[in-house]
Amino acid sequence: MAITVGDAAPAFSLSDQEGNQITLDSLLGKSVVLYFYPKDDTPG
């Protein structure tokens, strides 16, 4: 699923460094920075 600038972030969940489950919904009302990068070891 491709997203473009201005799209709302899709719902997701992941584990933090302590193994706690974090969801985007749990961050509602807080400042959040989502950072994406190209696949490792690829040009560009």
Protein backbone atom coordinates (compact mmCIF):
# COMPACT_ATOMS: atom_id res chain seq x y z
CA MET A 1 0.00 0.00 0.00
CA ALA A 2 1.64 3.24 -1.13
CA ILE A 3 1.04 6.48 0.76
CA THR A 4 1.74 9.99 -0.43
CA VAL A 5 2.52 13.26 1.28
CA GLY A 6 -0.53 14.47 3.17
CA ASP A 7 -2.11 11.02 3.63
CA ALA A 8 -3.08 9.99 7.14
CA ALA A 9 -0.72 7.41 8.63
CA PRO A 10 -2.14 3.89 8.55
CA ALA A 11 -2.85 2.12 11.84
CA PHE A 12 0.14 0.11 13.05
CA SER A 13 1.54 -1.62 16.10
CA LEU A 14 5.12 -2.47 17.00
CA SER A 15 7.28 -3.36 19.96
CA ASP A 16 9.40 -0.77 21.75
CA GLN A 17 12.90 -1.39 23.14
CA GLU A 18 11.37 -2.97 26.27
CA GLY A 19 9.02 -5.28 24.36
CA ASN A 20 5.87 -3.23 25.08
CA GLN A 21 3.31 -3.09 22.27
CA ILE A 22 2.83 0.45 20.89
CA THR A 23 0.01 1.46 18.54
CA LEU A 24 -0.51 4.68 16.66
CA ASP A 25 -3.85 5.08 18.48
CA SER A 26 -2.05 4.96 21.85
CA LEU A 27 -0.10 8.06 20.79
CA LEU A 28 -3.20 10.14 20.03
CA GLY A 29 -2.74 13.70 21.31
CA LYS A 30 1.06 13.40 21.49
CA SER A 31 3.66 14.69 19.06
CA VAL A 32 4.81 11.86 16.79
CA VAL A 33 7.48 11.73 14.08
CA LEU A 34 7.29 8.89 11.57
CA TYR A 35 10.56 8.32 9.74
CA PHE A 36 10.87 6.14 6.66
CA TYR A 37 14.05 5.27 4.81
CA PRO A 38 14.94 3.25 1.71
CA LYS A 39 15.69 -0.42 2.12
CA ASP A 40 19.22 -0.91 3.51
CA ASP A 41 22.05 -1.35 1.04
CA THR A 42 20.15 0.00 -1.95
CA PRO A 43 21.15 3.04 -4.02
CA GLY A 44 19.14 6.19 -3.55
